Amino acid sequence: MGAITIKAHTLEQALSSIKQGRYERIKAIMLHHTWVPNIAQDKGLSTVQGIQRAHTKAGAQDGILANWYSSNDGMLYNGRPLYYANWAHAAKLKSHPWDKVDPALRKLMDGDRMWCNRYCLGIETIGNFEIGRDNPKTSRSMALSLDLIAAVLKLRGLPVERVFFHRDVDPKTCPGTAVSKAWVRDQLRARLAGGGSSTSPLRVILLPGSTVIDCHPEVEAGVTRCDLRPVAEGLGYEVIAEHLSTQNKLYLRGGDTQ
């Protein structure tokens, strides 16, 4: 079979492709991050095509490893169909013995180190979600990965406990040390309950009028959190961050303070 043609998909289009394609065997989902490229390097389609070229050069069958890629441009990109055997998230038992595999996943695998490649939908999130790098809680690609995961869980009637991390079967930190399973599963429960999806997001509206401030708002434990800069700039303030690293101070200038 020839190389996979990478195309951009909305969440609805990706879910439709999963419904129509050879994904009927999905029994779990595995979340990844790219590490490289990170969010700042993400150019959407050309980035995923670059990943494909790198995987091809490394000898990957059909040139790409994961099943779906989520980008910070708000689009999902198809990768390898689930039925392909590969080492995208197989249990590498020489470096990650059975007693290191997540117990719940180990029970599902039942001794089959390739089980995840056959039955786990692998979703690669473009970003570096190690602590101190890209923030998964404000990342558009991570939100999109969680949207897709929630939609597939609902489609297949699977519980959030069937969502695993690459590090569960491989001695890696993937999908990043800043990403906890508890947080991911809480986010998925919120989506499945009807809230928290980037397809119907919380929005900050600037009044008077109806200008939407793109500040990545999110409700977490009853507290609304968002990026300060776009909110401040939307209100007409200048954000001065040059003293943040040395003085631990962020200055706002505007309005009556001028």
Protein backbone atom coordinates (compact mmCIF):
# COMPACT_ATOMS: atom_id res chain seq x y z
CA MET A 1 0.00 0.00 0.00
CA GLY A 2 1.26 3.49 -0.84
CA ALA A 3 2.01 6.35 1.46
CA ILE A 4 -0.89 7.80 3.43
CA THR A 5 -2.29 11.09 2.10
CA ILE A 6 -2.58 13.53 4.99
CA LYS A 7 -5.67 15.75 5.00
CA ALA A 8 -7.16 18.30 7.38
CA HIS A 9 -10.40 17.37 9.16
CA THR A 10 -12.77 19.18 11.46
CA LEU A 11 -13.78 17.26 14.56
CA GLU A 12 -17.03 16.27 12.87
CA GLN A 13 -15.21 15.11 9.74
CA ALA A 14 -12.71 13.10 11.77
CA LEU A 15 -15.48 11.41 13.70
CA SER A 16 -17.30 10.65 10.46
CA SER A 17 -14.11 9.11 9.05
CA ILE A 18 -13.76 6.97 12.16
CA LYS A 19 -17.38 5.83 11.84
CA GLN A 20 -16.91 4.87 8.19
CA GLY A 21 -13.35 3.58 8.26
CA ARG A 22 -11.77 0.46 9.65
CA TYR A 23 -11.95 1.55 13.27
CA GLU A 24 -14.63 -0.85 14.47
CA ARG A 25 -12.12 -2.66 16.67
CA ILE A 26 -11.43 0.32 18.97
CA LYS A 27 -11.38 -0.91 22.56
CA ALA A 28 -9.27 1.83 24.14
CA ILE A 29 -7.53 5.11 23.31
CA MET A 30 -3.89 6.09 23.75
CA LEU A 31 -2.83 9.72 24.11
CA HIS A 32 0.55 10.95 22.85
CA HIS A 33 2.37 14.24 22.40
CA THR A 34 4.92 14.99 19.71
CA TRP A 35 7.52 16.63 22.03
CA VAL A 36 9.12 17.85 18.80
CA PRO A 37 7.61 19.81 17.11
CA ASN A 38 6.26 21.95 19.92
CA ILE A 39 3.35 24.39 19.76
CA ALA A 40 5.46 27.29 18.48
CA GLN A 41 6.71 25.12 15.62
CA ASP A 42 3.26 23.87 14.63
CA LYS A 43 2.25 24.87 11.08
CA GLY A 44 -0.69 22.51 10.69
CA LEU A 45 -0.69 20.38 7.55
CA SER A 46 2.95 21.02 6.64
CA THR A 47 3.99 20.01 10.16
CA VAL A 48 2.15 16.68 10.01
CA GLN A 49 3.58 16.08 6.53
CA GLY A 50 7.02 16.74 8.01
CA ILE A 51 6.32 14.15 10.72
CA GLN A 52 5.36 11.73 7.96
CA ARG A 53 8.64 12.35 6.14
CA ALA A 54 10.60 11.80 9.35
CA HIS A 55 8.75 8.55 10.06
CA THR A 56 9.30 7.39 6.49
CA LYS A 57 13.02 8.10 6.76
CA ALA A 58 13.08 6.09 9.99
CA GLY A 59 11.52 3.14 8.16
CA ALA A 60 7.92 3.29 9.37
CA GLN A 61 5.48 1.29 7.26
CA ASP A 62 3.41 3.70 5.14
CA GLY A 63 5.36 6.54 6.63
CA ILE A 64 3.42 7.64 9.69
CA LEU A 65 2.84 6.10 13.09
CA ALA A 66 -0.16 7.51 14.96
CA ASN A 67 -3.79 7.26 13.81
CA TRP A 68 -4.73 10.93 14.27
CA TYR A 69 -2.84 14.17 14.88
CA SER A 70 -4.34 17.24 16.58
CA SER A 71 -2.92 20.62 15.63
CA ASN A 72 -2.97 24.08 17.14
CA ASP A 73 -4.56 25.34 13.93
CA GLY A 74 -7.77 23.72 15.19
CA MET A 75 -7.72 20.85 12.73
CA LEU A 76 -7.28 17.10 13.02
CA TYR A 77 -5.04 15.27 10.56
CA ASN A 78 -5.40 11.63 9.62
CA GLY A 79 -2.50 9.27 10.03
CA ARG A 80 -2.27 5.50 9.80
CA PRO A 81 -5.52 3.49 9.99
CA LEU A 82 -5.85 1.39 13.12
CA TYR A 83 -5.47 -1.95 11.37
CA TYR A 84 -1.79 -1.38 10.55
CA ALA A 85 0.67 -3.17 12.79
CA ASN A 86 3.44 -0.86 13.97
CA TRP A 87 5.36 0.10 17.10
CA ALA A 88 3.55 3.40 17.66
CA HIS A 89 2.37 2.27 21.08
CA ALA A 90 3.22 -1.38 21.45
CA ALA A 91 4.60 -2.65 24.75
CA LYS A 92 8.37 -2.78 24.36
CA LEU A 93 8.85 -5.46 26.93
CA LYS A 94 12.65 -5.50 26.87
CA SER A 95 12.70 -1.94 28.20
CA HIS A 96 9.26 -1.86 29.82
CA PRO A 97 8.41 -5.23 31.43
CA TRP A 98 4.90 -6.34 32.24
CA ASP A 99 5.04 -5.15 35.84
CA LYS A 100 5.65 -1.61 34.55
CA VAL A 101 2.60 -1.62 32.27
CA ASP A 102 -0.48 0.12 33.70
CA PRO A 103 -2.37 -2.66 35.56
CA ALA A 104 -5.74 -1.91 33.95
CA LEU A 105 -4.17 -1.88 30.50
CA ARG A 106 -2.13 -4.99 31.26
CA LYS A 107 -5.36 -6.83 32.04
CA LEU A 108 -6.84 -5.79 28.69
CA MET A 109 -3.66 -6.77 26.84
CA ASP A 110 -3.72 -10.28 28.31
CA GLY A 111 -0.13 -11.00 27.32
CA ASP A 112 -0.34 -9.48 23.82
CA ARG A 113 2.35 -6.80 23.54
CA MET A 114 0.84 -5.58 20.22
CA TRP A 115 -2.69 -5.26 21.65
CA CYS A 116 -2.59 -1.46 21.78
CA ASN A 117 -1.64 -1.21 18.11
CA ARG A 118 -4.59 -3.38 17.17
CA TYR A 119 -7.22 -1.97 19.50
CA CYS A 120 -6.12 1.48 20.81
CA LEU A 121 -6.86 4.58 18.77
CA GLY A 122 -3.60 6.53 18.93
CA ILE A 123 -3.98 10.31 19.07
CA GLU A 124 -0.84 12.42 18.77
CA THR A 125 -1.07 15.94 20.18
CA ILE A 126 1.29 18.49 18.63
CA GLY A 127 3.12 20.10 21.52
CA ASN A 128 5.78 19.54 24.16
CA PHE A 129 3.87 18.98 27.39
CA GLU A 130 6.80 18.39 29.69
CA ILE A 131 6.64 20.51 32.86
CA GLY A 132 7.86 24.02 32.07
CA ARG A 133 7.20 23.72 28.33
CA ASP A 134 3.84 23.99 26.55
CA ASN A 135 0.83 24.20 28.84
CA PRO A 136 -1.67 21.39 28.16
CA LYS A 137 -4.45 23.31 29.93
CA THR A 138 -4.32 26.18 27.43
CA SER A 139 -3.21 24.23 24.36
CA ARG A 140 -5.63 24.21 21.45
CA SER A 141 -4.20 20.91 20.22
CA MET A 142 -4.70 19.23 23.59
CA ALA A 143 -8.27 20.52 23.81
CA LEU A 144 -8.89 19.12 20.34
CA SER A 145 -7.39 15.74 21.27
CA LEU A 146 -9.69 15.58 24.28
CA ASP A 147 -12.68 16.54 22.12
CA LEU A 148 -11.92 13.70 19.72
CA ILE A 149 -11.31 11.23 22.53
CA ALA A 150 -14.61 12.13 24.19
CA ALA A 151 -16.46 11.76 20.89
CA VAL A 152 -14.92 8.33 20.25
CA LEU A 153 -15.65 7.16 23.80
CA LYS A 154 -19.28 8.12 23.29
CA LEU A 155 -19.38 6.50 19.85
CA ARG A 156 -17.98 3.19 21.11
CA GLY A 157 -19.65 3.25 24.53
CA LEU A 158 -16.30 3.18 26.34
CA PRO A 159 -15.61 4.59 29.83
CA VAL A 160 -12.95 7.26 30.45
CA GLU A 161 -10.92 4.56 32.20
CA ARG A 162 -10.17 3.14 28.74
CA VAL A 163 -7.99 6.16 27.98
CA PHE A 164 -4.30 5.43 28.50
CA PHE A 165 -0.97 7.20 27.98
CA HIS A 166 1.97 6.15 25.82
CA ARG A 167 4.07 6.00 28.97
CA ASP A 168 1.84 3.18 30.20
CA VAL A 169 3.55 0.80 27.74
CA ASP A 170 6.88 2.48 27.02
CA PRO A 171 9.59 3.99 29.24
CA LYS A 172 8.75 7.52 28.10
CA THR A 173 7.05 10.53 29.72
CA CYS A 174 4.61 10.83 26.77
CA PRO A 175 2.18 12.65 26.62
CA GLY A 176 4.29 14.82 28.92
CA THR A 177 4.97 15.18 32.63
CA ALA A 178 2.55 18.13 32.81
CA VAL A 179 -0.32 15.85 31.76
CA SER A 180 -1.91 13.72 34.47
CA LYS A 181 -4.38 10.94 33.89
CA ALA A 182 -6.68 12.36 36.57
CA TRP A 183 -6.85 15.72 34.74
CA VAL A 184 -7.42 14.11 31.35
CA ARG A 185 -10.20 11.90 32.63
CA ASP A 186 -11.85 14.81 34.47
CA GLN A 187 -11.79 16.81 31.24
CA LEU A 188 -13.33 13.90 29.37
CA ARG A 189 -16.08 13.44 31.97
CA ALA A 190 -16.95 17.13 31.60
CA ARG A 191 -17.17 16.79 27.84
CA LEU A 192 -19.28 13.65 28.05
CA ALA A 193 -21.58 15.46 30.49
CA GLY A 194 -22.10 18.17 27.88
CA GLY A 195 -19.56 20.84 28.78
CA GLY A 196 -15.95 21.79 28.24
CA SER A 197 -15.68 20.96 24.52
CA SER A 198 -13.79 23.27 22.18
CA THR A 199 -16.59 22.64 19.67
CA SER A 200 -18.90 24.56 22.03
CA PRO A 201 -16.41 26.47 24.17
CA LEU A 202 -16.73 28.84 27.06
CA ARG A 203 -16.44 32.31 25.57
CA VAL A 204 -15.45 35.68 27.01
CA ILE A 205 -17.54 38.43 25.38
CA LEU A 206 -16.44 42.08 25.48
CA LEU A 207 -19.34 44.48 26.08
CA PRO A 208 -20.77 46.64 24.68
CA GLY A 209 -20.95 44.70 21.45
CA SER A 210 -20.17 41.03 20.92
CA THR A 211 -16.39 40.81 20.48
CA VAL A 212 -15.08 37.41 21.55
CA ILE A 213 -11.75 37.50 23.38
CA ASP A 214 -9.63 34.48 22.43
CA CYS A 215 -8.14 33.85 25.90
CA HIS A 216 -8.65 30.06 26.24
CA PRO A 217 -11.18 30.31 29.08
CA GLU A 218 -11.83 27.18 31.09
CA VAL A 219 -13.74 26.40 34.28
CA GLU A 220 -11.68 24.30 36.65
CA ALA A 221 -13.04 23.32 40.08
CA GLY A 222 -15.54 26.16 39.90
CA VAL A 223 -12.89 28.77 39.03
CA THR A 224 -12.75 30.40 35.60
CA ARG A 225 -9.17 30.56 34.31
CA CYS A 226 -7.94 32.24 31.14
CA ASP A 227 -4.89 33.87 29.56
CA LEU A 228 -4.37 37.36 31.01
CA ARG A 229 -2.78 39.10 28.02
CA PRO A 230 -5.70 38.85 25.55
CA VAL A 231 -8.19 39.88 28.25
CA ALA A 232 -6.10 42.89 29.30
CA GLU A 233 -5.43 43.93 25.71
CA GLY A 234 -9.11 43.49 24.88
CA LEU A 235 -9.89 45.96 27.65
CA GLY A 236 -7.42 48.43 26.18
CA TYR A 237 -4.43 47.83 28.44
CA GLU A 238 -0.83 47.44 27.40
CA VAL A 239 0.80 44.36 28.93
CA ILE A 240 4.42 44.88 30.00
CA ALA A 241 6.08 41.57 30.76
CA GLU A 242 9.76 42.46 30.51
CA HIS A 243 10.18 42.45 34.31
CA LEU A 244 8.35 39.18 34.88
CA SER A 245 11.46 36.99 35.03
CA THR A 246 13.54 39.40 37.16
CA GLN A 247 10.94 41.01 39.46
CA ASN A 248 8.11 38.48 39.26
CA LYS A 249 5.89 41.43 38.31
CA LEU A 250 3.54 41.98 35.37
CA TYR A 251 2.60 45.57 34.58
CA LEU A 252 -0.56 46.83 32.91
CA ARG A 253 -0.73 50.32 31.43
CA GLY A 254 -3.88 51.95 30.11
CA GLY A 255 -7.20 53.56 31.02
CA ASP A 256 -6.97 55.91 34.01
CA THR A 257 -3.38 54.86 34.75
CA GLN A 258 -1.95 56.66 31.72
